PDB file of N, CA and C in Angstrom:
ATOM      1  N   UNK A   1     143.141 -42.139  69.566  1.00  0.00           N
ATOM      2  CA  UNK A   1     143.438 -43.113  68.462  1.00  0.00           C
ATOM      3  C   UNK A   1     142.601 -43.537  67.108  1.00  0.00           C
ATOM      4  N   UNK A   2     141.296 -42.649  67.025  1.00  0.00           N
ATOM      5  CA  UNK A   2     140.556 -42.566  66.494  1.00  0.00           C
ATOM      6  C   UNK A   2     140.372 -41.078  66.057  1.00  0.00           C
ATOM      7  N   UNK A   3     140.146 -40.889  64.727  1.00  0.00           N
ATOM      8  CA  UNK A   3     139.769 -39.460  64.184  1.00  0.00           C
ATOM      9  C   UNK A   3     138.619 -38.765  64.726  1.00  0.00           C
ATOM     10  N   UNK A   4     138.927 -37.477  64.702  1.00  0.00           N
ATOM     11  CA  UNK A   4     137.583 -36.827  65.213  1.00  0.00           C
ATOM     12  C   UNK A   4     136.199 -36.992  64.392  1.00  0.00           C
ATOM     13  N   UNK A   5     136.339 -37.127  63.128  1.00  0.00           N
ATOM     14  CA  UNK A   5     135.465 -37.555  62.386  1.00  0.00           C
ATOM     15  C   UNK A   5     134.424 -38.731  63.178  1.00  0.00           C
ATOM     16  N   UNK A   6     134.874 -39.763  63.646  1.00  0.00           N
ATOM     17  CA  UNK A   6     134.130 -40.940  64.515  1.00  0.00           C
ATOM     18  C   UNK A   6     133.212 -40.101  65.776  1.00  0.00           C
ATOM     19  N   UNK A   7     134.190 -39.357  66.431  1.00  0.00           N
ATOM     20  CA  UNK A   7     133.313 -38.478  67.577  1.00  0.00           C
ATOM     21  C   UNK A   7     132.438 -37.785  66.837  1.00  0.00           C
ATOM     22  N   UNK A   8     132.217 -37.226  65.713  1.00  0.00           N
ATOM     23  CA  UNK A   8     131.581 -36.068  65.077  1.00  0.00           C
ATOM     24  C   UNK A   8     130.028 -37.225  64.533  1.00  0.00           C
ATOM     25  N   UNK A   9     130.758 -38.363  63.777  1.00  0.00           N
ATOM     26  CA  UNK A   9     129.376 -38.933  63.549  1.00  0.00           C
ATOM     27  C   UNK A   9     128.892 -39.891  64.527  1.00  0.00           C
ATOM     28  N   UNK A  10     129.394 -39.817  65.708  1.00  0.00           N
ATOM     29  CA  UNK A  10     128.809 -40.259  66.744  1.00  0.00           C
ATOM     30  C   UNK A  10     127.681 -39.241  67.437  1.00  0.00           C
ATOM     31  N   UNK A  11     128.233 -38.193  67.404  1.00  0.00           N
ATOM     32  CA  UNK A  11     127.435 -36.925  68.296  1.00  0.00           C
ATOM     33  C   UNK A  11     126.304 -36.718  67.439  1.00  0.00           C
ATOM     34  N   UNK A  12     126.402 -36.802  65.686  1.00  0.00           N
ATOM     35  CA  UNK A  12     125.051 -36.317  64.951  1.00  0.00           C
ATOM     36  C   UNK A  12     124.201 -37.640  65.114  1.00  0.00           C
ATOM     37  N   UNK A  13     124.909 -38.578  65.850  1.00  0.00           N
ATOM     38  CA  UNK A  13     123.716 -39.933  65.963  1.00  0.00           C
ATOM     39  C   UNK A  13     123.027 -39.820  67.292  1.00  0.00           C
ATOM     40  N   UNK A  14     123.268 -38.685  68.078  1.00  0.00           N
ATOM     41  CA  UNK A  14     122.989 -38.444  69.203  1.00  0.00           C
ATOM     42  C   UNK A  14     123.677 -39.086  70.568  1.00  0.00           C
ATOM     43  N   UNK A  15     124.704 -39.501  70.158  1.00  0.00           N
ATOM     44  CA  UNK A  15     125.665 -40.279  71.224  1.00  0.00           C
ATOM     45  C   UNK A  15     126.782 -39.291  71.850  1.00  0.00           C
ATOM     46  N   UNK A  16     127.030 -39.109  73.136  1.00  0.00           N
ATOM     47  CA  UNK A  16     127.997 -37.923  73.434  1.00  0.00           C
ATOM     48  C   UNK A  16     129.134 -38.617  73.266  1.00  0.00           C
ATOM     49  N   UNK A  17     130.165 -38.020  72.440  1.00  0.00           N
ATOM     50  CA  UNK A  17     131.551 -38.863  72.352  1.00  0.00           C
ATOM     51  C   UNK A  17     132.450 -37.598  72.304  1.00  0.00           C
ATOM     52  N   UNK A  18     133.789 -37.824  72.499  1.00  0.00           N
ATOM     53  CA  UNK A  18     134.815 -37.156  72.112  1.00  0.00           C
ATOM     54  C   UNK A  18     135.994 -38.077  72.061  1.00  0.00           C
ATOM     55  N   UNK A  19     137.252 -37.085  71.628  1.00  0.00           N
ATOM     56  CA  UNK A  19     138.219 -38.045  71.097  1.00  0.00           C
ATOM     57  C   UNK A  19     139.107 -37.570  72.606  1.00  0.00           C
ATOM     58  N   UNK A  20     140.350 -38.458  72.436  1.00  0.00           N
ATOM     59  CA  UNK A  20     141.490 -37.909  73.548  1.00  0.00           C
ATOM     60  C   UNK A  20     142.062 -36.793  73.427  1.00  0.00           C
ATOM     61  N   UNK A  21     142.122 -36.484  71.970  1.00  0.00           N
ATOM     62  CA  UNK A  21     142.990 -34.919  71.658  1.00  0.00           C
ATOM     63  C   UNK A  21     141.827 -34.103  72.107  1.00  0.00           C
ATOM     64  N   UNK A  22     140.557 -34.416  71.826  1.00  0.00           N
ATOM     65  CA  UNK A  22     139.681 -33.062  72.182  1.00  0.00           C
ATOM     66  C   UNK A  22     139.727 -33.029  73.549  1.00  0.00           C
ATOM     67  N   UNK A  23     139.911 -33.776  74.527  1.00  0.00           N
ATOM     68  CA  UNK A  23     139.762 -33.908  76.057  1.00  0.00           C
ATOM     69  C   UNK A  23     141.039 -33.322  76.558  1.00  0.00           C
ATOM     70  N   UNK A  24     142.159 -33.142  75.807  1.00  0.00           N
ATOM     71  CA  UNK A  24     143.486 -32.641  76.171  1.00  0.00           C
ATOM     72  C   UNK A  24     144.202 -33.895  77.060  1.00  0.00           C
ATOM     73  N   UNK A  25     143.999 -35.245  76.446  1.00  0.00           N
ATOM     74  CA  UNK A  25     144.639 -36.307  76.873  1.00  0.00           C
ATOM     75  C   UNK A  25     145.464 -37.266  75.949  1.00  0.00           C
ATOM     76  N   UNK A  26     146.134 -36.319  74.979  1.00  0.00           N
ATOM     77  CA  UNK A  26     146.908 -37.278  74.083  1.00  0.00           C
ATOM     78  C   UNK A  26     148.075 -37.314  74.768  1.00  0.00           C
ATOM     79  N   UNK A  27     148.767 -38.293  74.807  1.00  0.00           N
ATOM     80  CA  UNK A  27     150.220 -38.734  75.279  1.00  0.00           C
ATOM     81  C   UNK A  27     149.869 -39.666  76.443  1.00  0.00           C
ATOM     82  N   UNK A  28     148.900 -39.295  77.084  1.00  0.00           N
ATOM     83  CA  UNK A  28     148.582 -40.332  78.554  1.00  0.00           C
ATOM     84  C   UNK A  28     148.923 -41.740  78.303  1.00  0.00           C
ATOM     85  N   UNK A  29     149.072 -42.274  79.618  1.00  0.00           N
ATOM     86  CA  UNK A  29     149.082 -43.686  79.584  1.00  0.00           C
ATOM     87  C   UNK A  29     148.023 -44.438  79.350  1.00  0.00           C
ATOM     88  N   UNK A  30     147.884 -45.710  78.771  1.00  0.00           N
ATOM     89  CA  UNK A  30     146.445 -46.195  78.907  1.00  0.00           C
ATOM     90  C   UNK A  30     145.793 -46.420  80.290  1.00  0.00           C
ATOM     91  N   UNK A  31     146.543 -46.562  81.323  1.00  0.00           N
ATOM     92  CA  UNK A  31     145.820 -46.822  82.481  1.00  0.00           C
ATOM     93  C   UNK A  31     145.439 -45.401  83.065  1.00  0.00           C
ATOM     94  N   UNK A  32     145.896 -44.539  82.753  1.00  0.00           N
ATOM     95  CA  UNK A  32     145.247 -42.976  82.905  1.00  0.00           C
ATOM     96  C   UNK A  32     144.169 -42.497  82.045  1.00  0.00           C
ATOM     97  N   UNK A  33     144.183 -43.144  80.722  1.00  0.00           N
ATOM     98  CA  UNK A  33     142.863 -42.934  79.967  1.00  0.00           C
ATOM     99  C   UNK A  33     141.860 -43.591  80.352  1.00  0.00           C
ATOM    100  N   UNK A  34     141.694 -45.033  81.145  1.00  0.00           N
ATOM    101  CA  UNK A  34     140.599 -45.457  81.746  1.00  0.00           C
ATOM    102  C   UNK A  34     140.411 -45.085  82.734  1.00  0.00           C
ATOM    103  N   UNK A  35     141.268 -44.764  83.893  1.00  0.00           N
ATOM    104  CA  UNK A  35     141.002 -43.672  84.850  1.00  0.00           C
ATOM    105  C   UNK A  35     140.179 -42.727  84.577  1.00  0.00           C
ATOM    106  N   UNK A  36     140.759 -41.843  83.814  1.00  0.00           N
ATOM    107  CA  UNK A  36     139.927 -40.389  83.419  1.00  0.00           C
ATOM    108  C   UNK A  36     138.374 -40.861  82.598  1.00  0.00           C
ATOM    109  N   UNK A  37     138.389 -42.029  81.800  1.00  0.00           N
ATOM    110  CA  UNK A  37     137.219 -42.217  81.333  1.00  0.00           C
ATOM    111  C   UNK A  37     135.876 -42.708  82.559  1.00  0.00           C
ATOM    112  N   UNK A  38     136.522 -43.598  83.408  1.00  0.00           N
ATOM    113  CA  UNK A  38     136.132 -43.888  84.594  1.00  0.00           C
ATOM    114  C   UNK A  38     135.114 -42.782  85.310  1.00  0.00           C
ATOM    115  N   UNK A  39     136.058 -41.656  85.766  1.00  0.00           N
ATOM    116  CA  UNK A  39     136.047 -40.687  86.748  1.00  0.00           C
ATOM    117  C   UNK A  39     134.831 -39.834  85.889  1.00  0.00           C
ATOM    118  N   UNK A  40     134.937 -39.672  84.912  1.00  0.00           N
ATOM    119  CA  UNK A  40     133.965 -38.742  83.734  1.00  0.00           C
ATOM    120  C   UNK A  40     132.953 -39.583  83.197  1.00  0.00           C
ATOM    121  N   UNK A  41     132.900 -40.516  83.281  1.00  0.00           N
ATOM    122  CA  UNK A  41     131.606 -41.478  82.966  1.00  0.00           C
ATOM    123  C   UNK A  41     131.578 -42.022  81.580  1.00  0.00           C
ATOM    124  N   UNK A  42     132.699 -41.854  80.994  1.00  0.00           N
ATOM    125  CA  UNK A  42     133.083 -42.135  79.360  1.00  0.00           C
ATOM    126  C   UNK A  42     132.976 -43.670  79.351  1.00  0.00           C
ATOM    127  N   UNK A  43     132.484 -44.464  78.150  1.00  0.00           N
ATOM    128  CA  UNK A  43     132.990 -45.687  77.907  1.00  0.00           C
ATOM    129  C   UNK A  43     134.069 -45.290  76.796  1.00  0.00           C
ATOM    130  N   UNK A  44     135.098 -46.330  77.004  1.00  0.00           N
ATOM    131  CA  UNK A  44     136.182 -45.960  76.374  1.00  0.00           C
ATOM    132  C   UNK A  44     136.119 -46.873  75.001  1.00  0.00           C
ATOM    133  N   UNK A  45     136.778 -46.474  73.851  1.00  0.00           N
ATOM    134  CA  UNK A  45     137.020 -47.318  72.357  1.00  0.00           C
ATOM    135  C   UNK A  45     138.452 -47.641  72.259  1.00  0.00           C
ATOM    136  N   UNK A  46     138.796 -48.638  71.866  1.00  0.00           N
ATOM    137  CA  UNK A  46     140.281 -48.944  71.707  1.00  0.00           C
ATOM    138  C   UNK A  46     140.463 -50.186  70.723  1.00  0.00           C
ATOM    139  N   UNK A  47     141.176 -50.310  69.973  1.00  0.00           N
ATOM    140  CA  UNK A  47     141.506 -51.463  69.291  1.00  0.00           C
ATOM    141  C   UNK A  47     142.704 -52.213  70.186  1.00  0.00           C
ATOM    142  N   UNK A  48     143.308 -51.544  71.356  1.00  0.00           N
ATOM    143  CA  UNK A  48     144.213 -52.217  72.134  1.00  0.00           C
ATOM    144  C   UNK A  48     143.564 -53.251  72.987  1.00  0.00           C
ATOM    145  N   UNK A  49     143.413 -54.484  72.421  1.00  0.00           N
ATOM    146  CA  UNK A  49     142.775 -55.210  73.528  1.00  0.00           C
ATOM    147  C   UNK A  49     143.631 -55.825  74.690  1.00  0.00           C
ATOM    148  N   UNK A  50     144.894 -56.067  74.292  1.00  0.00           N
ATOM    149  CA  UNK A  50     145.857 -56.746  75.227  1.00  0.00           C
ATOM    150  C   UNK A  50     146.094 -55.806  76.488  1.00  0.00           C
ATOM    151  N   UNK A  51     145.992 -54.432  76.110  1.00  0.00           N
ATOM    152  CA  UNK A  51     146.362 -53.553  77.259  1.00  0.00           C
ATOM    153  C   UNK A  51     145.037 -53.277  77.787  1.00  0.00           C
ATOM    154  N   UNK A  52     144.026 -53.065  77.300  1.00  0.00           N
ATOM    155  CA  UNK A  52     142.645 -52.491  78.010  1.00  0.00           C
ATOM    156  C   UNK A  52     142.189 -53.470  78.691  1.00  0.00           C
ATOM    157  N   UNK A  53     142.275 -54.717  78.062  1.00  0.00           N
ATOM    158  CA  UNK A  53     141.595 -56.001  78.965  1.00  0.00           C
ATOM    159  C   UNK A  53     142.265 -56.018  80.243  1.00  0.00           C
ATOM    160  N   UNK A  54     143.451 -56.237  80.279  1.00  0.00           N
ATOM    161  CA  UNK A  54     144.504 -56.032  81.517  1.00  0.00           C
ATOM    162  C   UNK A  54     143.970 -55.138  82.400  1.00  0.00           C
ATOM    163  N   UNK A  55     144.303 -53.956  81.886  1.00  0.00           N
ATOM    164  CA  UNK A  55     143.952 -52.654  82.995  1.00  0.00           C
ATOM    165  C   UNK A  55     142.233 -52.724  83.593  1.00  0.00           C
ATOM    166  N   UNK A  56     141.698 -52.961  82.344  1.00  0.00           N
ATOM    167  CA  UNK A  56     139.982 -53.151  83.060  1.00  0.00           C
ATOM    168  C   UNK A  56     139.937 -54.272  84.157  1.00  0.00           C
ATOM    169  N   UNK A  57     140.797 -55.452  84.084  1.00  0.00           N
ATOM    170  CA  UNK A  57     140.490 -56.551  84.600  1.00  0.00           C
ATOM    171  C   UNK A  57     141.226 -56.021  85.968  1.00  0.00           C
ATOM    172  N   UNK A  58     142.131 -55.389  86.093  1.00  0.00           N
ATOM    173  CA  UNK A  58     142.769 -54.809  87.300  1.00  0.00           C
ATOM    174  C   UNK A  58     142.049 -53.996  87.797  1.00  0.00           C
ATOM    175  N   UNK A  59     141.390 -52.846  87.367  1.00  0.00           N
ATOM    176  CA  UNK A  59     140.733 -52.022  88.001  1.00  0.00           C
ATOM    177  C   UNK A  59     139.718 -52.685  88.504  1.00  0.00           C
ATOM    178  N   UNK A  60     138.797 -53.656  88.322  1.00  0.00           N
ATOM    179  CA  UNK A  60     138.023 -54.613  88.811  1.00  0.00           C
ATOM    180  C   UNK A  60     138.366 -55.435  89.988  1.00  0.00           C
ATOM    181  N   UNK A  61     139.685 -55.873  89.885  1.00  0.00           N
ATOM    182  CA  UNK A  61     140.330 -56.815  91.035  1.00  0.00           C
ATOM    183  C   UNK A  61     140.423 -55.904  92.449  1.00  0.00           C
ATOM    184  N   UNK A  62     140.973 -54.560  91.797  1.00  0.00           N
ATOM    185  CA  UNK A  62     141.099 -53.564  92.905  1.00  0.00           C
ATOM    186  C   UNK A  62     139.606 -52.812  93.276  1.00  0.00           C
ATOM    187  N   UNK A  63     138.564 -53.518  92.945  1.00  0.00           N
ATOM    188  CA  UNK A  63     137.323 -52.797  93.540  1.00  0.00           C
ATOM    189  C   UNK A  63     136.907 -51.679  92.984  1.00  0.00           C
ATOM    190  N   UNK A  64     137.487 -51.219  91.586  1.00  0.00           N
ATOM    191  CA  UNK A  64     137.342 -50.076  91.124  1.00  0.00           C
ATOM    192  C   UNK A  64     136.539 -50.569  90.060  1.00  0.00           C
ATOM    193  N   UNK A  65     135.383 -49.427  89.373  1.00  0.00           N
ATOM    194  CA  UNK A  65     134.648 -49.720  88.338  1.00  0.00           C
ATOM    195  C   UNK A  65     135.040 -49.176  86.938  1.00  0.00           C
ATOM    196  N   UNK A  66     134.476 -49.298  86.079  1.00  0.00           N
ATOM    197  CA  UNK A  66     134.543 -48.453  84.644  1.00  0.00           C
ATOM    198  C   UNK A  66     133.168 -48.277  83.725  1.00  0.00           C
ATOM    199  N   UNK A  67     132.896 -47.272  83.041  1.00  0.00           N
ATOM    200  CA  UNK A  67     131.493 -47.638  82.378  1.00  0.00           C
ATOM    201  C   UNK A  67     131.714 -48.512  81.224  1.00  0.00           C
ATOM    202  N   UNK A  68     133.063 -49.121  80.872  1.00  0.00           N
ATOM    203  CA  UNK A  68     132.909 -50.060  79.990  1.00  0.00           C
ATOM    204  C   UNK A  68     134.104 -49.782  78.848  1.00  0.00           C
ATOM    205  N   UNK A  69     134.375 -50.717  78.160  1.00  0.00           N
ATOM    206  CA  UNK A  69     135.426 -50.745  77.363  1.00  0.00           C
ATOM    207  C   UNK A  69     135.043 -51.233  76.049  1.00  0.00           C
ATOM    208  N   UNK A  70     135.001 -50.322  74.914  1.00  0.00           N
ATOM    209  CA  UNK A  70     134.790 -51.181  73.618  1.00  0.00           C
ATOM    210  C   UNK A  70     135.813 -51.565  72.827  1.00  0.00           C
ATOM    211  N   UNK A  71     136.214 -52.931  72.145  1.00  0.00           N
ATOM    212  CA  UNK A  71     137.094 -53.240  71.275  1.00  0.00           C
ATOM    213  C   UNK A  71     136.824 -53.113  69.831  1.00  0.00           C
ATOM    214  N   UNK A  72     137.675 -52.356  69.115  1.00  0.00           N
ATOM    215  CA  UNK A  72     137.217 -52.642  67.713  1.00  0.00           C
ATOM    216  C   UNK A  72     138.722 -53.271  67.268  1.00  0.00           C
ATOM    217  N   UNK A  73     138.520 -54.302  66.883  1.00  0.00           N
ATOM    218  CA  UNK A  73     139.543 -55.163  66.348  1.00  0.00           C
ATOM    219  C   UNK A  73     139.942 -54.664  64.996  1.00  0.00           C
ATOM    220  N   UNK A  74     141.460 -54.313  64.700  1.00  0.00           N
ATOM    221  CA  UNK A  74     141.679 -53.931  63.418  1.00  0.00           C
ATOM    222  C   UNK A  74     141.734 -54.792  62.459  1.00  0.00           C
ATOM    223  N   UNK A  75     141.297 -55.711  62.551  1.00  0.00           N
ATOM    224  CA  UNK A  75     141.113 -57.045  61.553  1.00  0.00           C
ATOM    225  C   UNK A  75     139.687 -57.158  61.212  1.00  0.00           C
ATOM    226  N   UNK A  76     138.868 -56.185  62.021  1.00  0.00           N
ATOM    227  CA  UNK A  76     137.391 -55.929  61.870  1.00  0.00           C
ATOM    228  C   UNK A  76     136.951 -54.574  61.209  1.00  0.00           C
ATOM    229  N   UNK A  77     137.774 -53.548  61.896  1.00  0.00           N
ATOM    230  CA  UNK A  77     137.380 -52.212  61.543  1.00  0.00           C
ATOM    231  C   UNK A  77     138.561 -51.544  61.001  1.00  0.00           C
ATOM    232  N   UNK A  78     138.513 -50.564  60.289  1.00  0.00           N
ATOM    233  CA  UNK A  78     139.507 -49.708  59.973  1.00  0.00           C
ATOM    234  C   UNK A  78     139.225 -48.284  60.726  1.00  0.00           C
ATOM    235  N   UNK A  79     140.198 -47.431  60.922  1.00  0.00           N
ATOM    236  CA  UNK A  79     140.505 -46.397  61.712  1.00  0.00           C
ATOM    237  C   UNK A  79     140.256 -45.095  60.649  1.00  0.00           C
ATOM    238  N   UNK A  80     140.451 -45.581  59.323  1.00  0.00           N
ATOM    239  CA  UNK A  80     140.655 -44.813  57.921  1.00  0.00           C
ATOM    240  C   UNK A  80     138.975 -43.794  58.143  1.00  0.00           C
ATOM    241  N   UNK A  81     138.512 -42.938  57.459  1.00  0.00           N
ATOM    242  CA  UNK A  81     137.654 -42.006  57.070  1.00  0.00           C
ATOM    243  C   UNK A  81     136.702 -43.312  56.609  1.00  0.00           C
ATOM    244  N   UNK A  82     137.091 -44.026  55.790  1.00  0.00           N
ATOM    245  CA  UNK A  82     135.969 -45.081  55.000  1.00  0.00           C
ATOM    246  C   UNK A  82     135.362 -45.983  56.072  1.00  0.00           C
ATOM    247  N   UNK A  83     136.257 -46.398  57.045  1.00  0.00           N
ATOM    248  CA  UNK A  83     135.594 -47.178  58.065  1.00  0.00           C
ATOM    249  C   UNK A  83     134.881 -46.545  59.020  1.00  0.00           C
ATOM    250  N   UNK A  84     134.851 -45.116  59.138  1.00  0.00           N
ATOM    251  CA  UNK A  84     134.227 -44.848  60.453  1.00  0.00           C
ATOM    252  C   UNK A  84     132.782 -44.882  60.520  1.00  0.00           C
ATOM    253  N   UNK A  85     131.989 -44.911  59.397  1.00  0.00           N
ATOM    254  CA  UNK A  85     130.460 -45.352  59.272  1.00  0.00           C
ATOM    255  C   UNK A  85     130.053 -46.747  60.009  1.00  0.00           C
ATOM    256  N   UNK A  86     131.072 -47.667  59.561  1.00  0.00           N
ATOM    257  CA  UNK A  86     130.718 -49.153  60.337  1.00  0.00           C
ATOM    258  C   UNK A  86     131.334 -49.192  61.946  1.00  0.00           C
ATOM    259  N   UNK A  87     132.217 -48.256  62.030  1.00  0.00           N
ATOM    260  CA  UNK A  87     132.461 -48.317  63.787  1.00  0.00           C
ATOM    261  C   UNK A  87     131.328 -47.679  64.511  1.00  0.00           C
ATOM    262  N   UNK A  88     130.963 -46.511  63.756  1.00  0.00           N
ATOM    263  CA  UNK A  88     130.067 -45.489  64.241  1.00  0.00           C
ATOM    264  C   UNK A  88     128.653 -46.464  64.652  1.00  0.00           C
ATOM    265  N   UNK A  89     128.364 -47.229  63.385  1.00  0.00           N
ATOM    266  CA  UNK A  89     126.866 -48.039  63.366  1.00  0.00           C
ATOM    267  C   UNK A  89     126.982 -49.321  64.848  1.00  0.00           C
ATOM    268  N   UNK A  90     128.474 -49.547  64.575  1.00  0.00           N
ATOM    269  CA  UNK A  90     128.678 -50.917  65.794  1.00  0.00           C
ATOM    270  C   UNK A  90     128.289 -50.049  67.043  1.00  0.00           C
ATOM    271  N   UNK A  91     128.928 -49.177  67.289  1.00  0.00           N
ATOM    272  CA  UNK A  91     128.846 -48.471  68.464  1.00  0.00           C
ATOM    273  C   UNK A  91     127.201 -48.293  68.893  1.00  0.00           C
ATOM    274  N   UNK A  92     126.558 -47.337  67.765  1.00  0.00           N
ATOM    275  CA  UNK A  92     125.238 -47.176  68.171  1.00  0.00           C
ATOM    276  C   UNK A  92     124.427 -48.411  68.342  1.00  0.00           C
ATOM    277  N   UNK A  93     124.797 -49.773  67.760  1.00  0.00           N
ATOM    278  CA  UNK A  93     124.181 -50.656  68.127  1.00  0.00           C
ATOM    279  C   UNK A  93     124.118 -50.945  69.480  1.00  0.00           C
ATOM    280  N   UNK A  94     124.940 -50.586  70.378  1.00  0.00           N
ATOM    281  CA  UNK A  94     125.031 -50.814  71.865  1.00  0.00           C
ATOM    282  C   UNK A  94     124.628 -49.829  72.776  1.00  0.00           C
ATOM    283  N   UNK A  95     124.118 -48.851  72.124  1.00  0.00           N
ATOM    284  CA  UNK A  95     123.624 -47.412  72.967  1.00  0.00           C
ATOM    285  C   UNK A  95     122.901 -47.790  73.860  1.00  0.00           C
ATOM    286  N   UNK A  96     122.072 -48.879  73.774  1.00  0.00           N
ATOM    287  CA  UNK A  96     120.915 -48.897  75.053  1.00  0.00           C
ATOM    288  C   UNK A  96     121.343 -50.313  75.945  1.00  0.00           C
ATOM    289  N   UNK A  97     122.576 -50.731  75.628  1.00  0.00           N
ATOM    290  CA  UNK A  97     122.997 -51.917  76.592  1.00  0.00           C
ATOM    291  C   UNK A  97     123.747 -51.529  77.645  1.00  0.00           C
ATOM    292  N   UNK A  98     123.761 -52.336  78.671  1.00  0.00           N
ATOM    293  CA  UNK A  98     124.537 -51.888  79.882  1.00  0.00           C
ATOM    294  C   UNK A  98     126.065 -52.174  79.805  1.00  0.00           C
ATOM    295  N   UNK A  99     126.773 -51.376  80.003  1.00  0.00           N
ATOM    296  CA  UNK A  99     128.150 -51.620  79.448  1.00  0.00           C
ATOM    297  C   UNK A  99     129.164 -51.501  80.620  1.00  0.00           C
ATOM    298  N   UNK A 100     128.535 -51.101  81.940  1.00  0.00           N
ATOM    299  CA  UNK A 100     129.445 -51.076  83.175  1.00  0.00           C
ATOM    300  C   UNK A 100     130.141 -52.384  83.342  1.00  0.00           C
ATOM    301  N   UNK A 101     131.643 -51.988  83.678  1.00  0.00           N
ATOM    302  CA  UNK A 101     132.571 -53.177  83.862  1.00  0.00           C
ATOM    303  C   UNK A 101     132.717 -53.813  82.840  1.00  0.00           C
ATOM    304  N   UNK A 102     132.101 -53.974  81.961  1.00  0.00           N
ATOM    305  CA  UNK A 102     132.338 -54.800  80.439  1.00  0.00           C
ATOM    306  C   UNK A 102     133.354 -54.838  79.422  1.00  0.00           C
ATOM    307  N   UNK A 103     133.848 -55.483  78.848  1.00  0.00           N
ATOM    308  CA  UNK A 103     134.671 -55.534  77.777  1.00  0.00           C
ATOM    309  C   UNK A 103     134.089 -55.942  76.496  1.00  0.00           C
ATOM    310  N   UNK A 104     133.687 -55.416  75.880  1.00  0.00           N
ATOM    311  CA  UNK A 104     132.600 -55.595  74.598  1.00  0.00           C
ATOM    312  C   UNK A 104     133.501 -55.547  73.335  1.00  0.00           C
ATOM    313  N   UNK A 105     133.475 -56.513  72.421  1.00  0.00           N
ATOM    314  CA  UNK A 105     134.175 -56.421  71.008  1.00  0.00           C
ATOM    315  C   UNK A 105     133.062 -56.394  70.214  1.00  0.00           C
ATOM    316  N   UNK A 106     133.295 -54.932  69.357  1.00  0.00           N
ATOM    317  CA  UNK A 106     132.359 -54.757  68.347  1.00  0.00           C
ATOM    318  C   UNK A 106     132.348 -55.776  67.517  1.00  0.00           C
ATOM    319  N   UNK A 107     131.267 -55.721  66.761  1.00  0.00           N
ATOM    320  CA  UNK A 107     130.915 -56.485  65.859  1.00  0.00           C
ATOM    321  C   UNK A 107     130.618 -55.795  64.330  1.00  0.00           C
ATOM    322  N   UNK A 108     130.558 -56.025  63.562  1.00  0.00           N
ATOM    323  CA  UNK A 108     130.318 -55.485  61.995  1.00  0.00           C
ATOM    324  C   UNK A 108     128.895 -55.196  62.057  1.00  0.00           C
ATOM    325  N   UNK A 109     128.401 -54.084  61.607  1.00  0.00           N
ATOM    326  CA  UNK A 109     126.868 -54.104  61.264  1.00  0.00           C
ATOM    327  C   UNK A 109     126.673 -54.861  60.198  1.00  0.00           C
ATOM    328  N   UNK A 110     125.217 -55.499  60.271  1.00  0.00           N
ATOM    329  CA  UNK A 110     124.917 -56.110  59.076  1.00  0.00           C
ATOM    330  C   UNK A 110     124.900 -55.126  57.897  1.00  0.00           C
ATOM    331  N   UNK A 111     125.116 -55.539  56.774  1.00  0.00           N
ATOM    332  CA  UNK A 111     124.945 -54.799  55.561  1.00  0.00           C
ATOM    333  C   UNK A 111     123.841 -54.926  54.595  1.00  0.00           C
TER     334      UNK A 111
END
């Protein structure tokens, strides 16, 4: 859902990141994406709050865990190249937080 430029910006800031396309997962269903992220230890970023909130809750109800889901609401963040620095800054601000089994809405970084 996000351009490779976001993964590159995060990597430049010391955060291990990749895109669905880079991982060869393009076209996979949302449950498959979260299951893969969980199996590989990756926090997942999406703007699709309705699906991922439900899928994450279903995993927890089933006794399964996930490394975390970050939600970048389209009303707060643009996926276009100009919006990448703000999304990257919001993610970096959470780098030290414990995200396991959490659904976290990204906040705009202070300007």
